[in-house]
PDB file of N, CA and C in Angstrom:
ATOM      1  N   MET A   1     -91.580 111.645  43.374  1.00  0.00           N
ATOM      2  CA  MET A   1     -90.357 112.378  42.953  1.00  0.00           C
ATOM      3  C   MET A   1     -90.657 113.808  42.588  1.00  0.00           C
ATOM      4  N   GLU A   2     -91.814 114.090  42.011  1.00  0.00           N
ATOM      5  CA  GLU A   2     -92.212 115.377  41.523  1.00  0.00           C
ATOM      6  C   GLU A   2     -92.499 116.228  42.839  1.00  0.00           C
ATOM      7  N   LYS A   3     -93.059 115.573  43.802  1.00  0.00           N
ATOM      8  CA  LYS A   3     -93.283 116.345  45.074  1.00  0.00           C
ATOM      9  C   LYS A   3     -91.959 116.686  45.672  1.00  0.00           C
ATOM     10  N   ASP A   4     -90.963 115.775  45.608  1.00  0.00           N
ATOM     11  CA  ASP A   4     -89.618 116.036  46.236  1.00  0.00           C
ATOM     12  C   ASP A   4     -88.981 117.191  45.570  1.00  0.00           C
ATOM     13  N   LEU A   5     -89.224 117.365  44.180  1.00  0.00           N
ATOM     14  CA  LEU A   5     -88.705 118.376  43.487  1.00  0.00           C
ATOM     15  C   LEU A   5     -89.442 119.754  43.843  1.00  0.00           C
ATOM     16  N   ARG A   6     -90.687 119.664  43.989  1.00  0.00           N
ATOM     17  CA  ARG A   6     -91.345 120.909  44.562  1.00  0.00           C
ATOM     18  C   ARG A   6     -90.755 121.271  45.850  1.00  0.00           C
ATOM     19  N   TYR A   7     -90.467 120.429  46.763  1.00  0.00           N
ATOM     20  CA  TYR A   7     -89.831 120.814  48.033  1.00  0.00           C
ATOM     21  C   TYR A   7     -88.526 121.418  48.000  1.00  0.00           C
ATOM     22  N   ILE A   8     -87.715 120.854  47.063  1.00  0.00           N
ATOM     23  CA  ILE A   8     -86.426 121.366  46.713  1.00  0.00           C
ATOM     24  C   ILE A   8     -86.639 122.794  46.223  1.00  0.00           C
ATOM     25  N   GLU A   9     -87.486 123.043  45.300  1.00  0.00           N
ATOM     26  CA  GLU A   9     -87.737 124.304  44.842  1.00  0.00           C
ATOM     27  C   GLU A   9     -88.222 125.408  45.824  1.00  0.00           C
ATOM     28  N   LEU A  10     -89.221 124.921  46.669  1.00  0.00           N
ATOM     29  CA  LEU A  10     -89.619 125.736  47.880  1.00  0.00           C
ATOM     30  C   LEU A  10     -88.381 126.085  48.745  1.00  0.00           C
ATOM     31  N   PHE A  11     -87.665 125.037  49.038  1.00  0.00           N
ATOM     32  CA  PHE A  11     -86.423 125.240  49.942  1.00  0.00           C
ATOM     33  C   PHE A  11     -85.530 126.303  49.327  1.00  0.00           C
ATOM     34  N   GLU A  12     -85.301 126.287  48.007  1.00  0.00           N
ATOM     35  CA  GLU A  12     -84.419 127.216  47.317  1.00  0.00           C
ATOM     36  C   GLU A  12     -85.005 128.711  47.616  1.00  0.00           C
ATOM     37  N   ILE A  13     -86.257 128.890  47.608  1.00  0.00           N
ATOM     38  CA  ILE A  13     -86.922 130.165  47.662  1.00  0.00           C
ATOM     39  C   ILE A  13     -86.992 130.625  49.246  1.00  0.00           C
ATOM     40  N   TYR A  14     -87.280 129.594  50.147  1.00  0.00           N
ATOM     41  CA  TYR A  14     -87.585 130.067  51.624  1.00  0.00           C
ATOM     42  C   TYR A  14     -86.560 129.612  52.521  1.00  0.00           C
ATOM     43  N   GLN A  15     -85.371 129.162  52.155  1.00  0.00           N
ATOM     44  CA  GLN A  15     -84.473 128.663  53.061  1.00  0.00           C
ATOM     45  C   GLN A  15     -83.984 129.583  53.992  1.00  0.00           C
ATOM     46  N   GLY A  16     -84.052 130.860  53.654  1.00  0.00           N
ATOM     47  CA  GLY A  16     -83.563 131.956  54.551  1.00  0.00           C
ATOM     48  C   GLY A  16     -84.453 132.143  55.756  1.00  0.00           C
ATOM     49  N   LEU A  17     -85.673 131.540  55.670  1.00  0.00           N
ATOM     50  CA  LEU A  17     -86.683 131.678  56.699  1.00  0.00           C
ATOM     51  C   LEU A  17     -86.623 130.429  57.698  1.00  0.00           C
ATOM     52  N   LEU A  18     -85.723 129.574  57.474  1.00  0.00           N
ATOM     53  CA  LEU A  18     -85.583 128.380  58.278  1.00  0.00           C
ATOM     54  C   LEU A  18     -84.318 128.558  59.187  1.00  0.00           C
ATOM     55  N   THR A  19     -84.264 127.744  60.170  1.00  0.00           N
ATOM     56  CA  THR A  19     -83.194 127.727  61.077  1.00  0.00           C
ATOM     57  C   THR A  19     -82.126 127.094  60.460  1.00  0.00           C
ATOM     58  N   ASP A  20     -80.896 127.282  61.036  1.00  0.00           N
ATOM     59  CA  ASP A  20     -79.525 126.588  60.477  1.00  0.00           C
ATOM     60  C   ASP A  20     -79.879 125.072  60.547  1.00  0.00           C
ATOM     61  N   ARG A  21     -80.390 124.524  61.658  1.00  0.00           N
ATOM     62  CA  ARG A  21     -80.624 123.074  61.789  1.00  0.00           C
ATOM     63  C   ARG A  21     -81.558 122.604  60.821  1.00  0.00           C
ATOM     64  N   GLN A  22     -82.622 123.307  60.549  1.00  0.00           N
ATOM     65  CA  GLN A  22     -83.568 122.884  59.489  1.00  0.00           C
ATOM     66  C   GLN A  22     -82.961 122.897  58.182  1.00  0.00           C
ATOM     67  N   ARG A  23     -82.213 123.908  57.896  1.00  0.00           N
ATOM     68  CA  ARG A  23     -81.525 123.898  56.557  1.00  0.00           C
ATOM     69  C   ARG A  23     -80.610 122.698  56.468  1.00  0.00           C
ATOM     70  N   GLU A  24     -79.808 122.378  57.560  1.00  0.00           N
ATOM     71  CA  GLU A  24     -78.916 121.315  57.597  1.00  0.00           C
ATOM     72  C   GLU A  24     -79.629 119.951  57.290  1.00  0.00           C
ATOM     73  N   LEU A  25     -80.556 119.660  57.987  1.00  0.00           N
ATOM     74  CA  LEU A  25     -81.312 118.455  57.918  1.00  0.00           C
ATOM     75  C   LEU A  25     -81.910 118.257  56.534  1.00  0.00           C
ATOM     76  N   PHE A  26     -82.506 119.271  56.022  1.00  0.00           N
ATOM     77  CA  PHE A  26     -83.248 119.191  54.662  1.00  0.00           C
ATOM     78  C   PHE A  26     -82.118 118.982  53.622  1.00  0.00           C
ATOM     79  N   SER A  27     -81.109 119.730  53.664  1.00  0.00           N
ATOM     80  CA  SER A  27     -80.042 119.704  52.635  1.00  0.00           C
ATOM     81  C   SER A  27     -79.424 118.178  52.729  1.00  0.00           C
ATOM     82  N   SER A  28     -79.129 117.750  53.851  1.00  0.00           N
ATOM     83  CA  SER A  28     -78.629 116.409  53.989  1.00  0.00           C
ATOM     84  C   SER A  28     -79.418 115.475  53.346  1.00  0.00           C
ATOM     85  N   HIS A  29     -80.699 115.477  53.539  1.00  0.00           N
ATOM     86  CA  HIS A  29     -81.578 114.411  53.133  1.00  0.00           C
ATOM     87  C   HIS A  29     -81.926 114.532  51.586  1.00  0.00           C
ATOM     88  N   TYR A  30     -82.212 115.803  51.224  1.00  0.00           N
ATOM     89  CA  TYR A  30     -82.547 116.103  49.780  1.00  0.00           C
ATOM     90  C   TYR A  30     -81.469 116.516  48.686  1.00  0.00           C
ATOM     91  N   TYR A  31     -80.493 117.136  49.220  1.00  0.00           N
ATOM     92  CA  TYR A  31     -79.309 117.550  48.304  1.00  0.00           C
ATOM     93  C   TYR A  31     -78.371 116.502  48.263  1.00  0.00           C
ATOM     94  N   TYR A  32     -77.935 115.948  49.588  1.00  0.00           N
ATOM     95  CA  TYR A  32     -76.942 114.945  49.651  1.00  0.00           C
ATOM     96  C   TYR A  32     -77.390 113.546  49.655  1.00  0.00           C
ATOM     97  N   ASP A  33     -78.629 113.295  49.517  1.00  0.00           N
ATOM     98  CA  ASP A  33     -79.329 112.093  49.361  1.00  0.00           C
ATOM     99  C   ASP A  33     -79.042 111.127  50.579  1.00  0.00           C
ATOM    100  N   LEU A  34     -78.814 111.725  51.757  1.00  0.00           N
ATOM    101  CA  LEU A  34     -78.501 110.792  52.854  1.00  0.00           C
ATOM    102  C   LEU A  34     -79.880 110.316  53.505  1.00  0.00           C
ATOM    103  N   SER A  35     -79.722 109.031  53.858  1.00  0.00           N
ATOM    104  CA  SER A  35     -80.976 108.488  54.444  1.00  0.00           C
ATOM    105  C   SER A  35     -81.191 109.108  55.936  1.00  0.00           C
ATOM    106  N   LEU A  36     -82.323 108.881  56.448  1.00  0.00           N
ATOM    107  CA  LEU A  36     -82.622 109.458  57.673  1.00  0.00           C
ATOM    108  C   LEU A  36     -81.706 108.867  58.708  1.00  0.00           C
ATOM    109  N   SER A  37     -81.461 107.605  58.593  1.00  0.00           N
ATOM    110  CA  SER A  37     -80.525 106.915  59.440  1.00  0.00           C
ATOM    111  C   SER A  37     -79.134 107.416  59.472  1.00  0.00           C
ATOM    112  N   GLU A  38     -78.634 107.681  58.222  1.00  0.00           N
ATOM    113  CA  GLU A  38     -77.351 108.234  58.095  1.00  0.00           C
ATOM    114  C   GLU A  38     -77.238 109.597  58.717  1.00  0.00           C
ATOM    115  N   ILE A  39     -78.249 110.336  58.671  1.00  0.00           N
ATOM    116  CA  ILE A  39     -78.269 111.816  59.256  1.00  0.00           C
ATOM    117  C   ILE A  39     -78.376 111.587  60.873  1.00  0.00           C
ATOM    118  N   ALA A  40     -79.117 110.781  61.300  1.00  0.00           N
ATOM    119  CA  ALA A  40     -79.366 110.533  62.833  1.00  0.00           C
ATOM    120  C   ALA A  40     -78.028 109.989  63.516  1.00  0.00           C
ATOM    121  N   GLU A  41     -77.552 109.007  62.911  1.00  0.00           N
ATOM    122  CA  GLU A  41     -76.420 108.239  63.637  1.00  0.00           C
ATOM    123  C   GLU A  41     -75.290 108.957  64.159  1.00  0.00           C
ATOM    124  N   PRO A  42     -74.671 109.897  63.269  1.00  0.00           N
ATOM    125  CA  PRO A  42     -73.443 110.675  63.920  1.00  0.00           C
ATOM    126  C   PRO A  42     -73.802 111.494  65.152  1.00  0.00           C
ATOM    127  N   GLU A  43     -75.056 111.959  65.272  1.00  0.00           N
ATOM    128  CA  GLU A  43     -75.388 112.788  66.483  1.00  0.00           C
ATOM    129  C   GLU A  43     -76.091 112.065  67.457  1.00  0.00           C
ATOM    130  N   GLY A  44     -76.290 110.801  67.345  1.00  0.00           N
ATOM    131  CA  GLY A  44     -76.958 110.047  68.361  1.00  0.00           C
ATOM    132  C   GLY A  44     -78.459 110.206  68.562  1.00  0.00           C
ATOM    133  N   ASN A  45     -79.080 110.486  67.382  1.00  0.00           N
ATOM    134  CA  ASN A  45     -80.421 110.760  67.271  1.00  0.00           C
ATOM    135  C   ASN A  45     -81.063 109.559  66.630  1.00  0.00           C
ATOM    136  N   THR A  46     -82.428 109.518  66.833  1.00  0.00           N
ATOM    137  CA  THR A  46     -83.081 108.387  66.033  1.00  0.00           C
ATOM    138  C   THR A  46     -83.504 108.768  64.755  1.00  0.00           C
ATOM    139  N   ARG A  47     -83.794 107.795  63.976  1.00  0.00           N
ATOM    140  CA  ARG A  47     -84.368 107.973  62.566  1.00  0.00           C
ATOM    141  C   ARG A  47     -85.626 108.652  62.601  1.00  0.00           C
ATOM    142  N   GLN A  48     -86.453 108.321  63.638  1.00  0.00           N
ATOM    143  CA  GLN A  48     -87.819 108.796  63.762  1.00  0.00           C
ATOM    144  C   GLN A  48     -87.773 110.368  64.092  1.00  0.00           C
ATOM    145  N   SER A  49     -86.720 110.755  64.921  1.00  0.00           N
ATOM    146  CA  SER A  49     -86.590 112.149  65.198  1.00  0.00           C
ATOM    147  C   SER A  49     -86.230 112.979  63.993  1.00  0.00           C
ATOM    148  N   VAL A  50     -85.280 112.516  63.224  1.00  0.00           N
ATOM    149  CA  VAL A  50     -84.985 113.152  61.911  1.00  0.00           C
ATOM    150  C   VAL A  50     -86.100 113.198  60.937  1.00  0.00           C
ATOM    151  N   TYR A  51     -86.811 112.102  60.818  1.00  0.00           N
ATOM    152  CA  TYR A  51     -87.968 112.203  59.930  1.00  0.00           C
ATOM    153  C   TYR A  51     -88.924 113.222  60.418  1.00  0.00           C
ATOM    154  N   ALA A  52     -89.161 113.390  61.719  1.00  0.00           N
ATOM    155  CA  ALA A  52     -90.181 114.285  62.291  1.00  0.00           C
ATOM    156  C   ALA A  52     -89.686 115.684  61.897  1.00  0.00           C
ATOM    157  N   ALA A  53     -88.287 115.871  62.096  1.00  0.00           N
ATOM    158  CA  ALA A  53     -87.832 117.282  61.875  1.00  0.00           C
ATOM    159  C   ALA A  53     -87.810 117.606  60.342  1.00  0.00           C
ATOM    160  N   VAL A  54     -87.538 116.586  59.508  1.00  0.00           N
ATOM    161  CA  VAL A  54     -87.646 116.926  58.055  1.00  0.00           C
ATOM    162  C   VAL A  54     -89.113 117.194  57.598  1.00  0.00           C
ATOM    163  N   LYS A  55     -89.924 116.401  58.260  1.00  0.00           N
ATOM    164  CA  LYS A  55     -91.398 116.520  58.026  1.00  0.00           C
ATOM    165  C   LYS A  55     -91.901 118.025  58.344  1.00  0.00           C
ATOM    166  N   LYS A  56     -91.379 118.398  59.462  1.00  0.00           N
ATOM    167  CA  LYS A  56     -91.749 119.849  60.068  1.00  0.00           C
ATOM    168  C   LYS A  56     -91.094 120.897  58.996  1.00  0.00           C
ATOM    169  N   VAL A  57     -89.938 120.603  58.538  1.00  0.00           N
ATOM    170  CA  VAL A  57     -89.445 121.630  57.500  1.00  0.00           C
ATOM    171  C   VAL A  57     -90.318 121.685  56.244  1.00  0.00           C
ATOM    172  N   LYS A  58     -90.867 120.492  55.837  1.00  0.00           N
ATOM    173  CA  LYS A  58     -91.815 120.435  54.719  1.00  0.00           C
ATOM    174  C   LYS A  58     -93.050 121.253  55.055  1.00  0.00           C
ATOM    175  N   GLU A  59     -93.513 121.058  56.224  1.00  0.00           N
ATOM    176  CA  GLU A  59     -94.722 121.714  56.652  1.00  0.00           C
ATOM    177  C   GLU A  59     -94.476 123.267  56.539  1.00  0.00           C
ATOM    178  N   LYS A  60     -93.304 123.612  56.996  1.00  0.00           N
ATOM    179  CA  LYS A  60     -93.008 125.130  57.137  1.00  0.00           C
ATOM    180  C   LYS A  60     -92.840 125.653  55.695  1.00  0.00           C
ATOM    181  N   LEU A  61     -92.233 124.955  54.826  1.00  0.00           N
ATOM    182  CA  LEU A  61     -92.122 125.390  53.320  1.00  0.00           C
ATOM    183  C   LEU A  61     -93.543 125.489  52.778  1.00  0.00           C
ATOM    184  N   ASP A  62     -94.488 124.547  52.971  1.00  0.00           N
ATOM    185  CA  ASP A  62     -95.857 124.643  52.555  1.00  0.00           C
ATOM    186  C   ASP A  62     -96.532 125.818  53.168  1.00  0.00           C
ATOM    187  N   GLU A  63     -96.333 126.179  54.515  1.00  0.00           N
ATOM    188  CA  GLU A  63     -96.904 127.198  55.123  1.00  0.00           C
ATOM    189  C   GLU A  63     -96.353 128.608  54.461  1.00  0.00           C
ATOM    190  N   TYR A  64     -95.123 128.664  54.217  1.00  0.00           N
ATOM    191  CA  TYR A  64     -94.576 129.840  53.685  1.00  0.00           C
ATOM    192  C   TYR A  64     -95.231 130.143  52.308  1.00  0.00           C
ATOM    193  N   GLU A  65     -95.152 129.053  51.512  1.00  0.00           N
ATOM    194  CA  GLU A  65     -95.745 129.202  50.163  1.00  0.00           C
ATOM    195  C   GLU A  65     -97.227 129.496  50.254  1.00  0.00           C
ATOM    196  N   GLU A  66     -98.002 129.003  51.158  1.00  0.00           N
ATOM    197  CA  GLU A  66     -99.380 129.279  51.349  1.00  0.00           C
ATOM    198  C   GLU A  66     -99.682 130.767  51.515  1.00  0.00           C
ATOM    199  N   ILE A  67     -98.723 131.332  52.263  1.00  0.00           N
ATOM    200  CA  ILE A  67     -98.809 132.824  52.571  1.00  0.00           C
ATOM    201  C   ILE A  67     -98.330 133.724  51.415  1.00  0.00           C
ATOM    202  N   LEU A  68     -97.153 133.351  50.958  1.00  0.00           N
ATOM    203  CA  LEU A  68     -96.371 134.239  50.080  1.00  0.00           C
ATOM    204  C   LEU A  68     -96.536 133.907  48.566  1.00  0.00           C
ATOM    205  N   HIS A  69     -96.868 132.788  48.258  1.00  0.00           N
ATOM    206  CA  HIS A  69     -97.163 132.402  46.848  1.00  0.00           C
ATOM    207  C   HIS A  69     -95.990 132.688  45.845  1.00  0.00           C
ATOM    208  N   ILE A  70     -94.863 132.688  46.290  1.00  0.00           N
ATOM    209  CA  ILE A  70     -93.632 133.010  45.425  1.00  0.00           C
ATOM    210  C   ILE A  70     -93.408 131.766  44.361  1.00  0.00           C
ATOM    211  N   TYR A  71     -93.482 130.547  44.856  1.00  0.00           N
ATOM    212  CA  TYR A  71     -93.270 129.514  44.002  1.00  0.00           C
ATOM    213  C   TYR A  71     -94.276 129.505  42.934  1.00  0.00           C
ATOM    214  N   GLN A  72     -95.606 129.591  43.259  1.00  0.00           N
ATOM    215  CA  GLN A  72     -96.807 129.634  42.365  1.00  0.00           C
ATOM    216  C   GLN A  72     -96.706 130.755  41.335  1.00  0.00           C
ATOM    217  N   ASN A  73     -96.319 131.909  41.835  1.00  0.00           N
ATOM    218  CA  ASN A  73     -96.162 133.105  40.984  1.00  0.00           C
ATOM    219  C   ASN A  73     -94.943 132.965  40.044  1.00  0.00           C
ATOM    220  N   ASN A  74     -94.028 132.358  40.421  1.00  0.00           N
ATOM    221  CA  ASN A  74     -92.809 132.130  39.528  1.00  0.00           C
ATOM    222  C   ASN A  74     -93.098 131.197  38.397  1.00  0.00           C
ATOM    223  N   GLY A  75     -94.112 130.239  38.739  1.00  0.00           N
ATOM    224  CA  GLY A  75     -94.473 129.314  37.706  1.00  0.00           C
ATOM    225  C   GLY A  75     -95.321 129.934  36.691  1.00  0.00           C
ATOM    226  N   LYS A  76     -96.099 130.945  37.110  1.00  0.00           N
ATOM    227  CA  LYS A  76     -96.907 131.617  36.152  1.00  0.00           C
ATOM    228  C   LYS A  76     -96.094 132.652  35.344  1.00  0.00           C
ATOM    229  N   LEU A  77     -95.151 133.253  35.870  1.00  0.00           N
ATOM    230  CA  LEU A  77     -94.161 134.138  35.223  1.00  0.00           C
ATOM    231  C   LEU A  77     -93.399 133.384  34.210  1.00  0.00           C
ATOM    232  N   LYS A  78     -92.972 132.106  34.540  1.00  0.00           N
ATOM    233  CA  LYS A  78     -92.212 131.316  33.529  1.00  0.00           C
ATOM    234  C   LYS A  78     -93.158 130.963  32.350  1.00  0.00           C
ATOM    235  N   ALA A  79     -94.389 130.788  32.623  1.00  0.00           N
ATOM    236  CA  ALA A  79     -95.286 130.452  31.471  1.00  0.00           C
ATOM    237  C   ALA A  79     -95.503 131.536  30.553  1.00  0.00           C
ATOM    238  N   ILE A  80     -95.515 132.750  31.200  1.00  0.00           N
ATOM    239  CA  ILE A  80     -95.729 133.987  30.495  1.00  0.00           C
ATOM    240  C   ILE A  80     -94.447 134.276  29.673  1.00  0.00           C
ATOM    241  N   ALA A  81     -93.268 134.049  30.279  1.00  0.00           N
ATOM    242  CA  ALA A  81     -91.969 134.360  29.682  1.00  0.00           C
ATOM    243  C   ALA A  81     -91.715 133.343  28.425  1.00  0.00           C
ATOM    244  N   LYS A  82     -92.369 132.144  28.519  1.00  0.00           N
ATOM    245  CA  LYS A  82     -92.325 131.256  27.312  1.00  0.00           C
ATOM    246  C   LYS A  82     -92.964 131.810  26.209  1.00  0.00           C
ATOM    247  N   LYS A  83     -94.229 132.305  26.560  1.00  0.00           N
ATOM    248  CA  LYS A  83     -95.041 132.944  25.481  1.00  0.00           C
ATOM    249  C   LYS A  83     -94.360 134.087  24.883  1.00  0.00           C
ATOM    250  N   VAL A  84     -93.883 134.972  25.720  1.00  0.00           N
ATOM    251  CA  VAL A  84     -93.185 136.157  25.234  1.00  0.00           C
ATOM    252  C   VAL A  84     -92.039 135.774  24.378  1.00  0.00           C
ATOM    253  N   SER A  85     -91.282 134.751  24.657  1.00  0.00           N
ATOM    254  CA  SER A  85     -90.136 134.438  23.983  1.00  0.00           C
ATOM    255  C   SER A  85     -90.396 133.927  22.591  1.00  0.00           C
ATOM    256  N   LEU A  86     -91.584 133.450  22.274  1.00  0.00           N
ATOM    257  CA  LEU A  86     -91.941 133.098  20.999  1.00  0.00           C
ATOM    258  C   LEU A  86     -92.052 134.391  20.085  1.00  0.00           C
ATOM    259  N   LYS A  87     -92.371 135.478  20.638  1.00  0.00           N
ATOM    260  CA  LYS A  87     -92.513 136.767  19.810  1.00  0.00           C
ATOM    261  C   LYS A  87     -91.245 137.654  20.023  1.00  0.00           C
ATOM    262  N   ASP A  88     -90.625 137.567  21.113  1.00  0.00           N
ATOM    263  CA  ASP A  88     -89.443 138.440  21.376  1.00  0.00           C
ATOM    264  C   ASP A  88     -88.554 137.756  22.148  1.00  0.00           C
ATOM    265  N   LYS A  89     -87.575 136.984  21.633  1.00  0.00           N
ATOM    266  CA  LYS A  89     -86.609 136.102  22.353  1.00  0.00           C
ATOM    267  C   LYS A  89     -85.863 136.908  23.363  1.00  0.00           C
ATOM    268  N   ASP A  90     -85.343 138.154  23.087  1.00  0.00           N
ATOM    269  CA  ASP A  90     -84.671 138.812  24.028  1.00  0.00           C
ATOM    270  C   ASP A  90     -85.435 139.255  25.238  1.00  0.00           C
ATOM    271  N   LEU A  91     -86.639 139.665  25.076  1.00  0.00           N
ATOM    272  CA  LEU A  91     -87.506 140.023  26.218  1.00  0.00           C
ATOM    273  C   LEU A  91     -87.796 138.786  27.081  1.00  0.00           C
ATOM    274  N   GLY A  92     -88.028 137.776  26.421  1.00  0.00           N
ATOM    275  CA  GLY A  92     -88.306 136.535  27.094  1.00  0.00           C
ATOM    276  C   GLY A  92     -87.039 136.075  28.018  1.00  0.00           C
ATOM    277  N   GLU A  93     -85.955 136.199  27.390  1.00  0.00           N
ATOM    278  CA  GLU A  93     -84.610 135.871  28.180  1.00  0.00           C
ATOM    279  C   GLU A  93     -84.538 136.797  29.408  1.00  0.00           C
ATOM    280  N   GLN A  94     -84.809 138.095  29.164  1.00  0.00           N
ATOM    281  CA  GLN A  94     -84.661 139.126  30.269  1.00  0.00           C
ATOM    282  C   GLN A  94     -85.657 138.658  31.391  1.00  0.00           C
ATOM    283  N   ILE A  95     -86.863 138.215  30.998  1.00  0.00           N
ATOM    284  CA  ILE A  95     -87.731 137.817  32.126  1.00  0.00           C
ATOM    285  C   ILE A  95     -87.255 136.596  32.760  1.00  0.00           C
ATOM    286  N   PHE A  96     -86.714 135.557  32.186  1.00  0.00           N
ATOM    287  CA  PHE A  96     -86.186 134.456  32.575  1.00  0.00           C
ATOM    288  C   PHE A  96     -84.956 134.709  33.510  1.00  0.00           C
ATOM    289  N   ASP A  97     -84.078 135.693  33.111  1.00  0.00           N
ATOM    290  CA  ASP A  97     -83.027 136.027  34.014  1.00  0.00           C
ATOM    291  C   ASP A  97     -83.425 136.694  35.363  1.00  0.00           C
ATOM    292  N   LEU A  98     -84.594 137.355  35.290  1.00  0.00           N
ATOM    293  CA  LEU A  98     -85.166 137.955  36.596  1.00  0.00           C
ATOM    294  C   LEU A  98     -85.752 136.826  37.420  1.00  0.00           C
ATOM    295  N   ILE A  99     -86.378 135.906  36.854  1.00  0.00           N
ATOM    296  CA  ILE A  99     -87.064 134.991  37.794  1.00  0.00           C
ATOM    297  C   ILE A  99     -86.304 133.550  37.823  1.00  0.00           C
ATOM    298  N   GLY A 100     -85.313 133.417  37.088  1.00  0.00           N
ATOM    299  CA  GLY A 100     -84.599 132.111  37.023  1.00  0.00           C
ATOM    300  C   GLY A 100     -85.281 131.117  36.224  1.00  0.00           C
ATOM    301  N   LYS A 101     -84.420 130.304  35.590  1.00  0.00           N
ATOM    302  CA  LYS A 101     -84.963 129.425  34.547  1.00  0.00           C
ATOM    303  C   LYS A 101     -85.455 128.036  35.343  1.00  0.00           C
TER     304      LYS A 101
END
């Protein structure tokens, strides 16, 4: 479950780098909670082909993060913002507004 949440967060960051089809498959499976079979059936695809496509999207997300480190850096910034908030709540909130909560 935690790994799924990580991929959802990676998707939110890097979805603009994916094709329309990749975004559609990932969203259907992770946001709309459709099974692989439910995604495959209307288009005449197999469950296995959808699984492979979703797996490829996850690999791409991992690849983008490995190169760009946006997810990792956001986590570090959030930790810093929490510490700052203890001393200066307004400044902490400004940081959270910039990086997202």
